[in-house]
Protein backbone atom coordinates (compact mmCIF):
# COMPACT_ATOMS: atom_id res chain seq x y z
CA UNK A 1 0.00 0.00 0.00
CA UNK A 2 1.22 3.53 -0.79
CA UNK A 3 2.42 5.80 2.05
CA UNK A 4 -0.05 8.51 0.93
CA UNK A 5 -3.80 8.75 0.31
CA UNK A 6 -6.54 11.32 -0.36
CA UNK A 7 -8.38 12.66 2.67
CA UNK A 8 -12.17 12.63 2.84
CA UNK A 9 -12.23 16.36 2.26
CA UNK A 10 -10.27 16.06 -1.00
CA UNK A 11 -12.38 17.05 -4.04
CA UNK A 12 -11.87 16.98 -7.80
CA UNK A 13 -11.23 20.71 -8.16
CA UNK A 14 -8.40 20.55 -5.63
CA UNK A 15 -5.90 18.50 -7.61
CA UNK A 16 -4.02 18.31 -10.90
CA UNK A 17 -3.95 15.03 -12.82
CA UNK A 18 -0.53 13.59 -13.60
CA UNK A 19 -0.36 10.57 -15.88
CA UNK A 20 1.12 7.45 -14.29
CA UNK A 21 3.40 6.96 -17.26
CA UNK A 22 5.12 10.27 -16.44
CA UNK A 23 5.76 9.12 -12.88
CA UNK A 24 7.05 5.65 -13.78
CA UNK A 25 8.97 6.49 -16.93
CA UNK A 26 10.16 10.10 -16.88
CA UNK A 27 10.22 11.33 -13.31
CA UNK A 28 13.06 8.95 -12.16
CA UNK A 29 15.45 10.20 -14.87
CA UNK A 30 14.76 13.93 -14.44
CA UNK A 31 16.29 16.16 -11.77
CA UNK A 32 14.25 17.87 -9.12
CA UNK A 33 14.03 21.27 -10.83
CA UNK A 34 12.79 19.67 -14.06
CA UNK A 35 10.06 17.76 -12.21
CA UNK A 36 9.01 20.87 -10.21
CA UNK A 37 8.80 22.97 -13.36
CA UNK A 38 6.83 20.31 -15.27
CA UNK A 39 4.31 19.83 -12.46
CA UNK A 40 3.84 23.56 -11.79
CA UNK A 41 3.39 24.22 -15.50
CA UNK A 42 0.83 21.39 -15.64
CA UNK A 43 -0.97 23.02 -12.74
CA UNK A 44 -1.01 26.40 -14.51
CA UNK A 45 -2.73 24.80 -17.52
CA UNK A 46 -5.92 24.78 -15.46
CA UNK A 47 -5.51 28.25 -13.92
CA UNK A 48 -7.28 31.14 -15.64
CA UNK A 49 -5.22 33.95 -13.95
CA UNK A 50 -2.31 35.55 -15.81
CA UNK A 51 0.96 33.94 -14.75
CA UNK A 52 4.00 34.25 -17.03
CA UNK A 53 7.19 32.19 -17.14
CA UNK A 54 9.25 34.85 -15.33
CA UNK A 55 6.82 34.78 -12.38
CA UNK A 56 7.00 30.97 -12.32
CA UNK A 57 10.84 31.02 -12.34
CA UNK A 58 10.85 33.50 -9.46
CA UNK A 59 8.32 31.46 -7.47
CA UNK A 60 10.25 28.20 -7.94
CA UNK A 61 13.60 29.96 -7.33
CA UNK A 62 14.91 28.78 -10.71
CA UNK A 63 16.95 30.96 -13.09
CA UNK A 64 14.88 31.90 -16.17
CA UNK A 65 17.60 30.56 -18.52
CA UNK A 66 17.50 27.28 -16.56
CA UNK A 67 13.71 27.18 -16.98
CA UNK A 68 14.17 27.45 -20.76
CA UNK A 69 16.61 24.50 -20.67
CA UNK A 70 14.16 22.44 -18.62
CA UNK A 71 11.29 22.87 -21.07
CA UNK A 72 13.70 22.16 -23.97
CA UNK A 73 14.44 18.86 -22.20
CA UNK A 74 10.74 18.04 -21.82
CA UNK A 75 10.24 18.92 -25.50
CA UNK A 76 12.91 16.36 -26.43
CA UNK A 77 10.89 13.85 -24.41
CA UNK A 78 7.76 14.73 -26.47
CA UNK A 79 5.91 15.78 -23.33
CA UNK A 80 5.53 19.46 -24.28
CA UNK A 81 5.66 21.56 -27.43
CA UNK A 82 7.49 24.95 -27.09
CA UNK A 83 5.43 27.39 -29.16
CA UNK A 84 7.43 30.50 -28.19
CA UNK A 85 10.69 31.08 -26.32
CA UNK A 86 10.24 34.86 -25.64
CA UNK A 87 7.84 35.11 -24.10
CA UNK A 88 7.96 31.43 -23.13
CA UNK A 89 4.76 29.59 -24.01
CA UNK A 90 4.48 25.83 -23.99
CA UNK A 91 1.73 23.36 -24.87
CA UNK A 92 1.50 20.18 -22.77
CA UNK A 93 1.11 16.89 -24.68
CA UNK A 94 -0.47 13.62 -23.39
CA UNK A 95 2.18 11.29 -22.03
CA UNK A 96 0.32 8.20 -23.25
CA UNK A 97 0.34 9.36 -26.88
CA UNK A 98 3.90 10.66 -26.95
CA UNK A 99 6.65 8.78 -28.71
CA UNK A 100 8.35 8.59 -25.37
CA UNK A 101 11.66 9.83 -26.71
CA UNK A 102 13.87 10.37 -23.65
CA UNK A 103 16.74 12.76 -23.29
CA UNK A 104 19.47 12.00 -25.85
CA UNK A 105 21.83 9.31 -24.59
CA UNK A 106 25.22 10.36 -23.34
CA UNK A 107 27.87 7.69 -23.81
CA UNK A 108 29.93 8.83 -20.79
CA UNK A 109 26.87 8.34 -18.52
CA UNK A 110 26.89 4.57 -19.16
CA UNK A 111 30.61 3.95 -19.73
CA UNK A 112 31.03 1.89 -16.52
CA UNK A 113 27.80 0.00 -17.23
CA UNK A 114 28.93 -0.82 -20.78
CA UNK A 115 32.26 -2.20 -19.52
CA UNK A 116 30.56 -4.48 -16.99
CA UNK A 117 28.01 -5.71 -19.55
CA UNK A 118 30.80 -6.40 -22.08
CA UNK A 119 32.65 -8.55 -19.51
CA UNK A 120 29.51 -10.61 -18.93
CA UNK A 121 28.96 -11.11 -22.66
CA UNK A 122 32.59 -12.17 -23.22
CA UNK A 123 32.31 -14.67 -20.37
CA UNK A 124 29.14 -16.13 -21.95
CA UNK A 125 30.74 -16.15 -25.41
CA UNK A 126 28.16 -13.73 -26.82
CA UNK A 127 28.46 -10.49 -28.78
CA UNK A 128 25.43 -8.21 -29.04
CA UNK A 129 24.89 -6.11 -32.13
CA UNK A 130 25.12 -2.27 -31.78
CA UNK A 131 21.34 -1.92 -32.06
CA UNK A 132 20.93 -4.41 -29.18
CA UNK A 133 23.21 -2.30 -26.97
CA UNK A 134 21.17 0.74 -27.99
CA UNK A 135 17.90 -0.93 -26.90
CA UNK A 136 19.41 -1.78 -23.51
CA UNK A 137 20.53 1.82 -22.94
CA UNK A 138 17.13 3.11 -24.05
CA UNK A 139 15.57 0.80 -21.49
CA UNK A 140 17.70 2.31 -18.73
CA UNK A 141 16.69 5.79 -19.88
CA UNK A 142 12.98 4.96 -20.01
CA UNK A 143 12.66 2.76 -16.90
CA UNK A 144 13.64 3.63 -13.32
CA UNK A 145 15.78 0.51 -12.81
CA UNK A 146 19.27 0.92 -11.41
CA UNK A 147 22.05 -0.04 -13.88
CA UNK A 148 23.60 -2.39 -11.30
CA UNK A 149 20.25 -4.12 -10.90
CA UNK A 150 20.07 -4.58 -14.69
CA UNK A 151 23.60 -6.07 -14.68
CA UNK A 152 22.43 -8.56 -12.05
CA UNK A 153 19.60 -9.62 -14.38
CA UNK A 154 21.92 -9.97 -17.39
CA UNK A 155 24.32 -12.08 -15.31
CA UNK A 156 21.43 -14.34 -14.23
CA UNK A 157 20.22 -14.76 -17.83
CA UNK A 158 23.76 -15.45 -19.08
CA UNK A 159 24.23 -18.17 -16.46
CA UNK A 160 20.82 -19.66 -17.22
CA UNK A 161 20.80 -19.44 -21.06
CA UNK A 162 24.49 -19.93 -21.86
CA UNK A 163 25.20 -19.61 -25.59
CA UNK A 164 21.45 -19.07 -26.21
CA UNK A 165 21.55 -15.74 -24.37
CA UNK A 166 19.68 -12.93 -26.14
CA UNK A 167 19.21 -9.25 -25.41
CA UNK A 168 15.46 -9.69 -25.78
CA UNK A 169 15.35 -12.25 -22.96
CA UNK A 170 17.28 -9.92 -20.66
CA UNK A 171 15.00 -6.99 -21.51
CA UNK A 172 11.84 -9.08 -21.02
CA UNK A 173 13.07 -10.20 -17.62
CA UNK A 174 13.96 -6.64 -16.62
CA UNK A 175 10.59 -5.26 -17.81
CA UNK A 176 8.75 -7.98 -15.87
CA UNK A 177 10.55 -6.99 -12.67
CA UNK A 178 9.79 -3.30 -13.33
CA UNK A 179 6.10 -4.20 -13.65
CA UNK A 180 6.42 -5.75 -10.17
CA UNK A 181 8.02 -2.49 -8.94
CA UNK A 182 11.42 -4.05 -8.37
CA UNK A 183 13.98 -1.44 -9.44
CA UNK A 184 16.89 -1.48 -7.00
CA UNK A 185 19.86 -3.82 -6.74
CA UNK A 186 18.61 -5.21 -3.41
CA UNK A 187 15.07 -5.87 -4.72
CA UNK A 188 16.32 -7.63 -7.86
CA UNK A 189 18.87 -9.63 -5.89
CA UNK A 190 16.17 -10.99 -3.56
CA UNK A 191 13.94 -11.84 -6.51
CA UNK A 192 16.68 -13.69 -8.38
CA UNK A 193 17.64 -15.64 -5.27
CA UNK A 194 14.06 -16.91 -5.21
CA UNK A 195 14.27 -17.68 -8.93
CA UNK A 196 17.49 -19.65 -8.42
CA UNK A 197 15.92 -21.68 -5.62
CA UNK A 198 12.81 -22.28 -7.73
CA UNK A 199 14.98 -23.24 -10.67
CA UNK A 200 16.75 -25.92 -8.63
CA UNK A 201 13.42 -27.38 -7.45
CA UNK A 202 11.81 -27.15 -10.87
CA UNK A 203 14.85 -28.76 -12.54
CA UNK A 204 14.51 -31.78 -10.26
CA UNK A 205 10.78 -32.01 -10.98
CA UNK A 206 11.51 -31.82 -14.73
CA UNK A 207 14.05 -34.62 -14.37
CA UNK A 208 11.57 -36.87 -12.53
CA UNK A 209 8.83 -36.19 -15.10
CA UNK A 210 11.18 -36.78 -18.04
CA UNK A 211 11.01 -33.17 -19.28
CA UNK A 212 14.23 -32.45 -21.12
CA UNK A 213 14.40 -28.66 -21.21
CA UNK A 214 15.36 -25.80 -18.96
CA UNK A 215 12.81 -24.65 -16.37
CA UNK A 216 10.17 -22.39 -17.86
CA UNK A 217 9.12 -19.27 -15.99
CA UNK A 218 5.48 -20.10 -16.71
CA UNK A 219 5.86 -23.08 -14.34
CA UNK A 220 7.16 -21.08 -11.36
CA UNK A 221 3.66 -20.01 -10.19
CA UNK A 222 2.84 -23.69 -9.56
CA UNK A 223 5.67 -23.90 -7.01
CA UNK A 224 4.39 -20.79 -5.25
CA UNK A 225 0.84 -22.15 -5.13
CA UNK A 226 1.99 -25.47 -3.64
CA UNK A 227 4.05 -23.71 -0.96
CA UNK A 228 1.13 -21.45 -0.02
CA UNK A 229 -1.04 -24.57 0.42
CA UNK A 230 1.56 -26.04 2.81
CA UNK A 231 2.74 -28.92 0.60
CA UNK A 232 6.22 -30.07 1.63
CA UNK A 233 8.92 -30.05 -1.04
CA UNK A 234 9.55 -33.79 -0.67
CA UNK A 235 5.81 -34.40 -0.96
CA UNK A 236 5.95 -32.67 -4.37
CA UNK A 237 8.82 -34.94 -5.41
CA UNK A 238 6.85 -37.98 -4.19
CA UNK A 239 3.89 -36.91 -6.34
CA UNK A 240 6.19 -36.44 -9.36
CA UNK A 241 7.66 -39.92 -8.81
CA UNK A 242 4.16 -41.37 -8.63
CA UNK A 243 3.23 -39.61 -11.88
CA UNK A 244 6.52 -40.70 -13.54
CA UNK A 245 5.89 -38.65 -16.68
CA UNK A 246 3.79 -35.75 -17.83
CA UNK A 247 3.78 -31.98 -17.45
CA UNK A 248 3.88 -29.66 -14.47
CA UNK A 249 0.19 -28.96 -15.13
CA UNK A 250 -0.72 -32.65 -14.76
CA UNK A 251 1.45 -32.78 -11.63
CA UNK A 252 -0.50 -29.80 -10.29
CA UNK A 253 -3.74 -31.79 -10.62
CA UNK A 254 -2.26 -34.65 -8.55
CA UNK A 255 -0.91 -32.27 -5.89
CA UNK A 256 -4.32 -30.59 -5.71
CA UNK A 257 -5.64 -34.07 -4.87
CA UNK A 258 -3.07 -34.31 -2.05
CA UNK A 259 -4.20 -30.93 -0.75
CA UNK A 260 -7.85 -32.05 -0.79
CA UNK A 261 -6.94 -35.19 1.18
CA UNK A 262 -4.78 -33.25 3.65
CA UNK A 263 -1.68 -35.28 2.69
CA UNK A 264 0.80 -32.39 2.84
CA UNK A 265 3.83 -34.01 4.49
CA UNK A 266 6.17 -36.41 2.70
CA UNK A 267 4.99 -39.36 4.84
CA UNK A 268 1.27 -38.67 4.37
CA UNK A 269 1.74 -38.03 0.65
CA UNK A 270 3.61 -41.32 0.11
CA UNK A 271 0.97 -43.29 2.04
CA UNK A 272 -1.88 -41.72 0.09
CA UNK A 273 -0.11 -42.09 -3.27
CA UNK A 274 0.60 -45.77 -2.57
CA UNK A 275 -3.08 -46.44 -1.82
CA UNK A 276 -4.06 -44.34 -4.82
CA UNK A 277 -1.70 -46.32 -7.06
CA UNK A 278 -3.24 -49.61 -5.94
CA UNK A 279 -6.74 -48.21 -6.41
CA UNK A 280 -5.80 -46.84 -9.86
CA UNK A 281 -4.36 -50.21 -10.89
CA UNK A 282 -7.61 -51.81 -9.77
CA UNK A 283 -9.69 -49.30 -11.76
CA UNK A 284 -7.69 -49.95 -14.93
CA UNK A 285 -7.82 -53.74 -14.43
CA UNK A 286 -11.61 -53.66 -13.90
CA UNK A 287 -12.09 -51.26 -16.83
CA UNK A 288 -10.20 -53.62 -19.16
CA UNK A 289 -12.44 -56.53 -18.12
CA UNK A 290 -15.55 -54.38 -18.55
CA UNK A 291 -14.37 -53.21 -21.98
CA UNK A 292 -14.36 -49.56 -20.85
CA UNK A 293 -11.63 -47.01 -21.62
CA UNK A 294 -10.65 -44.89 -18.61
CA UNK A 295 -8.50 -41.78 -19.03
CA UNK A 296 -8.45 -40.31 -15.51
CA UNK A 297 -9.07 -42.94 -12.81
CA UNK A 298 -9.69 -40.44 -9.99
CA UNK A 299 -13.49 -40.32 -10.28
CA UNK A 300 -13.70 -44.14 -10.45
CA UNK A 301 -11.35 -44.46 -7.47
CA UNK A 302 -13.47 -42.19 -5.27
CA UNK A 303 -16.82 -43.56 -6.46
CA UNK A 304 -16.08 -47.29 -6.59
CA UNK A 305 -12.56 -48.63 -6.00
CA UNK A 306 -11.99 -47.11 -2.55
CA UNK A 307 -15.38 -48.32 -1.35
CA UNK A 308 -14.85 -51.86 -2.69
CA UNK A 309 -11.43 -52.13 -1.07
CA UNK A 310 -12.73 -50.73 2.22
CA UNK A 311 -15.44 -53.42 2.17
CA UNK A 312 -12.67 -56.05 2.13
CA UNK A 313 -12.66 -57.21 -1.50
CA UNK A 314 -9.27 -57.99 -3.04
CA UNK A 315 -8.19 -57.18 -6.58
CA UNK A 316 -8.46 -60.79 -7.85
CA UNK A 317 -12.08 -61.10 -6.69
CA UNK A 318 -13.04 -57.75 -8.22
CA UNK A 319 -11.40 -58.59 -11.56
CA UNK A 320 -13.32 -61.88 -11.67
CA UNK A 321 -16.54 -60.03 -10.91
CA UNK A 322 -15.72 -57.57 -13.71
CA UNK A 323 -15.36 -60.44 -16.20
CA UNK A 324 -18.77 -61.73 -15.19
CA UNK A 325 -20.30 -58.23 -15.38
CA UNK A 326 -18.91 -57.80 -18.90
CA UNK A 327 -20.91 -60.84 -19.98
CA UNK A 328 -23.97 -59.26 -18.40
CA UNK A 329 -23.34 -56.00 -20.29
CA UNK A 330 -22.74 -53.98 -17.09
CA UNK A 331 -20.54 -50.92 -16.61
CA UNK A 332 -18.94 -49.67 -13.35
CA UNK A 333 -22.34 -48.68 -11.95
CA UNK A 334 -23.83 -52.07 -12.77
CA UNK A 335 -20.87 -53.86 -11.22
CA UNK A 336 -21.22 -51.68 -8.12
CA UNK A 337 -24.76 -53.02 -7.75
CA UNK A 338 -23.46 -56.60 -7.91
CA UNK A 339 -20.75 -55.87 -5.30
CA UNK A 340 -23.30 -54.23 -2.99
CA UNK A 341 -25.58 -57.25 -3.31
CA UNK A 342 -22.71 -59.61 -2.42
CA UNK A 343 -21.69 -57.44 0.53
CA UNK A 344 -25.24 -57.42 1.90
CA UNK A 345 -25.21 -61.24 1.63
CA UNK A 346 -21.92 -61.41 3.56
CA UNK A 347 -19.89 -62.64 0.57
CA UNK A 348 -16.53 -60.83 0.77
CA UNK A 349 -13.61 -63.27 0.71
CA UNK A 350 -12.16 -64.65 -2.53
CA UNK A 351 -13.53 -68.16 -1.90
CA UNK A 352 -17.07 -66.89 -1.43
CA UNK A 353 -16.86 -64.74 -4.57
CA UNK A 354 -15.52 -67.69 -6.60
CA UNK A 355 -18.38 -69.92 -5.43
CA UNK A 356 -20.92 -67.21 -6.24
CA UNK A 357 -19.47 -66.69 -9.73
CA UNK A 358 -19.30 -70.44 -10.40
CA UNK A 359 -23.04 -70.72 -9.73
CA UNK A 360 -23.82 -67.60 -11.75
CA UNK A 361 -21.77 -68.83 -14.72
CA UNK A 362 -23.90 -71.99 -14.84
CA UNK A 363 -27.06 -69.92 -14.75
CA UNK A 364 -25.69 -67.62 -17.43
CA UNK A 365 -24.91 -70.56 -19.71
CA UNK A 366 -28.44 -71.86 -19.19
CA UNK A 367 -29.81 -68.41 -20.05
CA UNK A 368 -27.73 -68.37 -23.26
CA UNK A 369 -29.14 -71.82 -24.16
CA UNK A 370 -32.67 -70.48 -23.59
CA UNK A 371 -31.86 -67.55 -25.90
CA UNK A 372 -30.83 -69.94 -28.67
CA UNK A 373 -34.28 -71.59 -28.41
CA UNK A 374 -36.77 -68.76 -27.90
CA UNK A 375 -34.93 -65.65 -29.07
CA UNK A 376 -33.22 -62.66 -27.48
CA UNK A 377 -33.65 -62.38 -23.72
CA UNK A 378 -32.25 -59.50 -21.71
CA UNK A 379 -29.49 -60.65 -19.36
CA UNK A 380 -30.39 -59.39 -15.90
CA UNK A 381 -29.82 -60.56 -12.35
CA UNK A 382 -33.55 -61.28 -12.13
CA UNK A 383 -33.28 -63.57 -15.16
CA UNK A 384 -30.39 -65.42 -13.49
CA UNK A 385 -32.40 -65.69 -10.28
CA UNK A 386 -35.26 -67.26 -12.25
CA UNK A 387 -32.88 -69.78 -13.82
CA UNK A 388 -31.54 -70.63 -10.35
CA UNK A 389 -35.10 -71.05 -9.03
CA UNK A 390 -36.04 -73.45 -11.84
CA UNK A 391 -33.05 -75.62 -11.04
CA UNK A 392 -33.95 -75.51 -7.34
CA UNK A 393 -37.35 -76.92 -8.39
CA UNK A 394 -35.32 -79.95 -9.55
CA UNK A 395 -35.99 -79.40 -13.27
CA UNK A 396 -33.35 -80.67 -15.68
CA UNK A 397 -31.93 -78.42 -18.38
CA UNK A 398 -33.90 -80.54 -20.86
CA UNK A 399 -37.19 -79.68 -19.16
CA UNK A 400 -36.26 -75.98 -18.91
CA UNK A 401 -35.39 -75.87 -22.63
CA UNK A 402 -38.69 -77.62 -23.42
CA UNK A 403 -40.45 -74.77 -21.64
CA UNK A 404 -38.33 -72.35 -23.66
CA UNK A 405 -39.49 -73.94 -26.91
CA UNK A 406 -43.11 -73.51 -25.89
CA UNK A 407 -42.41 -69.85 -24.89
CA UNK A 408 -40.94 -68.99 -28.29
CA UNK A 409 -42.84 -66.09 -29.81
CA UNK A 410 -44.37 -64.98 -26.51
CA UNK A 411 -44.20 -61.27 -25.57
CA UNK A 412 -42.46 -62.13 -22.28
CA UNK A 413 -40.74 -65.51 -22.80
CA UNK A 414 -39.29 -65.80 -19.29
CA UNK A 415 -42.62 -65.05 -17.64
CA UNK A 416 -44.33 -67.62 -19.86
CA UNK A 417 -41.63 -70.18 -19.05
CA UNK A 418 -42.05 -69.46 -15.35
CA UNK A 419 -45.80 -70.04 -15.71
CA UNK A 420 -45.28 -73.39 -17.46
CA UNK A 421 -42.59 -74.65 -15.07
CA UNK A 422 -44.56 -73.65 -11.96
CA UNK A 423 -47.55 -75.57 -13.35
CA UNK A 424 -45.40 -78.62 -14.07
CA UNK A 425 -43.93 -78.39 -10.58
CA UNK A 426 -47.40 -78.25 -9.03
CA UNK A 427 -48.57 -81.29 -11.00
CA UNK A 428 -45.35 -83.27 -10.44
CA UNK A 429 -44.22 -83.32 -14.09
CA UNK A 430 -40.44 -84.00 -14.15
CA UNK A 431 -39.89 -85.51 -17.62
CA UNK A 432 -40.75 -84.27 -21.09
CA UNK A 433 -42.74 -87.45 -21.72
CA UNK A 434 -44.96 -86.62 -18.75
CA UNK A 435 -46.04 -83.25 -20.13
CA UNK A 436 -49.75 -83.55 -20.95
CA UNK A 437 -51.00 -82.72 -24.40
CA UNK A 438 -52.57 -79.32 -24.75
CA UNK A 439 -56.35 -79.75 -24.43
CA UNK A 440 -58.34 -79.13 -27.54
CA UNK A 441 -60.05 -75.75 -27.41
CA UNK A 442 -63.17 -74.70 -29.13
CA UNK A 443 -62.07 -71.62 -31.04
CA UNK A 444 -64.29 -68.57 -31.24
CA UNK A 445 -66.15 -68.73 -34.55
CA UNK A 446 -67.91 -66.28 -36.74
CA UNK A 447 -70.98 -66.45 -34.47
CA UNK A 448 -68.89 -65.08 -31.58
CA UNK A 449 -69.11 -68.27 -29.50
CA UNK A 450 -66.99 -68.21 -26.32
CA UNK A 451 -63.71 -70.12 -26.02
CA UNK A 452 -63.87 -72.86 -23.38
CA UNK A 453 -60.82 -73.25 -21.06
CA UNK A 454 -59.75 -76.02 -18.76
CA UNK A 455 -59.23 -75.47 -15.03
CA UNK A 456 -55.47 -75.42 -15.58
CA UNK A 457 -55.81 -72.71 -18.20
CA UNK A 458 -58.01 -70.65 -15.90
CA UNK A 459 -55.57 -71.07 -12.98
CA UNK A 460 -52.68 -70.07 -15.22
CA UNK A 461 -54.59 -66.99 -16.38
CA UNK A 462 -55.32 -66.01 -12.78
CA UNK A 463 -51.64 -66.34 -11.88
CA UNK A 464 -50.73 -64.27 -14.92
CA UNK A 465 -53.19 -61.56 -13.90
CA UNK A 466 -51.80 -61.56 -10.36
CA UNK A 467 -48.21 -61.22 -11.62
CA UNK A 468 -49.22 -58.45 -14.01
CA UNK A 469 -51.04 -56.60 -11.22
CA UNK A 470 -47.97 -56.53 -8.98
CA UNK A 471 -45.57 -55.81 -11.85
CA UNK A 472 -47.55 -52.67 -12.73
CA UNK A 473 -47.50 -51.50 -9.09
CA UNK A 474 -43.75 -52.04 -8.76
CA UNK A 475 -43.04 -50.30 -12.07
CA UNK A 476 -45.07 -47.24 -11.08
CA UNK A 477 -43.31 -46.99 -7.71
CA UNK A 478 -39.87 -47.34 -9.30
CA UNK A 479 -40.67 -44.79 -12.03
CA UNK A 480 -41.84 -42.25 -9.44
CA UNK A 481 -38.63 -42.72 -7.45
CA UNK A 482 -36.47 -42.44 -10.58
CA UNK A 483 -38.29 -39.25 -11.61
CA UNK A 484 -37.68 -37.76 -8.15
CA UNK A 485 -34.00 -38.74 -8.27
CA UNK A 486 -33.58 -37.05 -11.66
CA UNK A 487 -35.30 -33.91 -10.36
CA UNK A 488 -33.04 -33.81 -7.30
CA UNK A 489 -29.91 -34.61 -9.32
CA UNK A 490 -30.50 -31.62 -11.61
CA UNK A 491 -30.34 -29.26 -8.60
CA UNK A 492 -26.81 -27.88 -8.11
CA UNK A 493 -27.02 -27.63 -4.30
CA UNK A 494 -28.39 -31.17 -3.93
CA UNK A 495 -25.79 -32.61 -6.33
CA UNK A 496 -22.97 -30.85 -4.45
CA UNK A 497 -24.22 -32.05 -1.05
CA UNK A 498 -24.85 -35.62 -2.33
CA UNK A 499 -21.33 -35.87 -3.81
CA UNK A 500 -19.81 -34.49 -0.59
CA UNK A 501 -21.72 -37.06 1.48
CA UNK A 502 -20.48 -39.92 -0.70
CA UNK A 503 -16.88 -38.71 -0.39
CA UNK A 504 -17.34 -38.15 3.34
CA UNK A 505 -18.64 -41.66 3.92
CA UNK A 506 -15.58 -43.09 2.18
CA UNK A 507 -13.24 -40.81 4.15
CA UNK A 508 -15.01 -41.74 7.41
CA UNK A 509 -14.59 -45.46 6.73
CA UNK A 510 -10.91 -44.89 5.98
CA UNK A 511 -10.41 -42.64 9.01
CA UNK A 512 -11.99 -45.16 11.39
CA UNK A 513 -9.27 -47.62 10.37
CA UNK A 514 -6.20 -45.47 9.70
CA UNK A 515 -6.71 -42.20 11.62
CA UNK A 516 -9.46 -42.44 14.28
CA UNK A 517 -8.63 -38.95 15.54
CA UNK A 518 -10.12 -37.48 12.35
CA UNK A 519 -13.35 -39.50 12.52
CA UNK A 520 -15.31 -37.07 14.73
CA UNK A 521 -14.40 -34.11 12.51
CA UNK A 522 -15.52 -36.01 9.40
CA UNK A 523 -18.80 -36.98 11.11
CA UNK A 524 -19.47 -33.31 11.89
CA UNK A 525 -18.78 -32.34 8.29
CA UNK A 526 -21.04 -35.16 7.09
CA UNK A 527 -23.83 -33.90 9.35
CA UNK A 528 -23.51 -30.42 7.83
CA UNK A 529 -23.72 -31.81 4.29
CA UNK A 530 -26.67 -34.04 5.25
CA UNK A 531 -28.54 -30.98 6.51
CA UNK A 532 -27.76 -29.17 3.25
CA UNK A 533 -29.01 -32.15 1.25
CA UNK A 534 -32.18 -32.26 3.37
CA UNK A 535 -32.72 -28.51 2.85
CA UNK A 536 -32.26 -28.87 -0.91
CA UNK A 537 -34.83 -31.68 -1.01
CA UNK A 538 -37.29 -29.62 1.05
CA UNK A 539 -36.88 -26.72 -1.38
CA UNK A 540 -37.72 -29.14 -4.20
CA UNK A 541 -40.77 -30.43 -2.26
CA UNK A 542 -39.07 -33.83 -1.93
CA UNK A 543 -37.93 -36.04 0.94
CA UNK A 544 -35.33 -38.77 1.43
CA UNK A 545 -38.14 -41.36 1.29
CA UNK A 546 -39.39 -40.02 -2.06
CA UNK A 547 -36.05 -40.97 -3.65
CA UNK A 548 -36.78 -44.64 -2.98
CA UNK A 549 -39.71 -46.62 -4.40
CA UNK A 550 -42.82 -46.11 -2.26
CA UNK A 551 -44.67 -49.41 -2.63
CA UNK A 552 -48.41 -49.58 -2.12
CA UNK A 553 -48.10 -52.55 0.22
CA UNK A 554 -45.41 -52.16 2.88
CA UNK A 555 -45.59 -55.85 3.89
CA UNK A 556 -44.77 -57.47 0.54
CA UNK A 557 -43.25 -54.43 -1.28
CA UNK A 558 -45.71 -55.08 -4.13
CA UNK A 559 -44.32 -58.54 -4.86
CA UNK A 560 -47.45 -60.44 -3.72
CA UNK A 561 -45.48 -62.62 -1.31
CA UNK A 562 -44.47 -62.16 2.32
CA UNK A 563 -40.90 -62.85 3.52
CA UNK A 564 -41.96 -66.34 4.70
CA UNK A 565 -43.21 -67.20 1.20
CA UNK A 566 -46.95 -66.98 1.87
CA UNK A 567 -49.19 -65.01 -0.51
CA UNK A 568 -49.94 -61.49 0.70
CA UNK A 569 -53.55 -60.54 1.43
CA UNK A 570 -53.20 -57.19 -0.37
CA UNK A 571 -54.25 -58.70 -3.71
CA UNK A 572 -57.80 -57.50 -4.48
CA UNK A 573 -60.57 -59.95 -5.20
CA UNK A 574 -61.25 -58.41 -8.60
CA UNK A 575 -58.15 -56.48 -9.68
CA UNK A 576 -58.60 -53.91 -12.39
């Protein structure tokens, strides 16, 4: 902040405007009398009273002949135009539109500077052209930087660039420091010490990442940002080693991840990166089995891999599950549903997963055989469950395929098969030869005579109606829930809170195992996000319950059967 400021009483008619370019570019190179004369003359431009040059010279205690020399100097700088010398009358020009031509260079003024610069160039094996020397001297005339400070910059650039040293690079560096208001030898020295330290650190990062070029100044701000966030230097190197190759920008994304996880020390960073590497390897292995291309594994790690590993599943089990899910046409989300189902059933260890998959593979093969007989059937877990149920009814594959033949052409082949097999089970039919012939039916004729059905046909129709009744109820409940979830998901505040809760639950599970001292803090943060999620739902006229299917019958969840297998009494006598 500047040492001076306007008071509250200061008003527009109390001051004279001086362009910033005059202060930064011309004032440092002019002597005190020249500046006083320029400013007082600028002030007089807005004064209506008569005030000649002689009166101004007397007031400022400057000889009149000296005043003429001063305005000749400012005319050479294109800041004024002298319209008359006797009497003196000058016209002030805008600084921003002037050519900015400073006072003519005097060789003796920069003789010592030129000798020092020449020594540096000889040491670097470079020889600047005369016009390059001229541009450097013009810079010193136009900018308030000390010559010794400029020599410090040229020495730094010579050491850094070697035989690729150019006058333009030196000037660009000097102008950049001037823009940051670093003009003196001490200011530039401190800045270059920081640059040298940054260069050492950045060079090592480049080496780790396989970047074969000198450190670029555009990458220095990354170092500053990491330090401000509290990331230890060795933690940065650990992240670079984990990345192995890439750019500083990609490294920045990984370090931002460390910052988010609070892994700022070398030890914490290495522990997190090791777990992340294992989780990333798992994501890529699962993705290959699912036939999915993954560019950045981070989202999959946070959403799926970390949770699966925390639940106790090992990589081999998850890869096997992914192979099975590929056959089912599932993606990561579909596989997550399978893993959740296994976890709820208490199947976690590799042996349990292998047994589960062995049974499912048999059911899947049976389903594929059914497809070859009665056409395309959607592969779902429900379809596999039906196949498992039929086998539990002690039907052979031959009997199941016989049912499939009879279901060919039906709108819902699996439902029709289920109807046939349940009827055969009820009547004790276990062999194809035992299947009774279809009773002859009297077809409806032109006179509109009714079709007569056997008791079995009537019972089958009633079962079909019952199944259809409950299927419609379940579908409506699920569609309402899905519609509510889509509505909530489109709200920014709900989506943010929901994502934070998912991340928090994963972090809480990890903290309870690895860092219990953080668990209470994470629980408090989770509670805050849960309240935000609840508020967002209330604003949308929704509730947590409305995101889940609300079944008409709470006892059977619109399946028609109670947990003990008995038929539910909610089925109406005459369903519509």
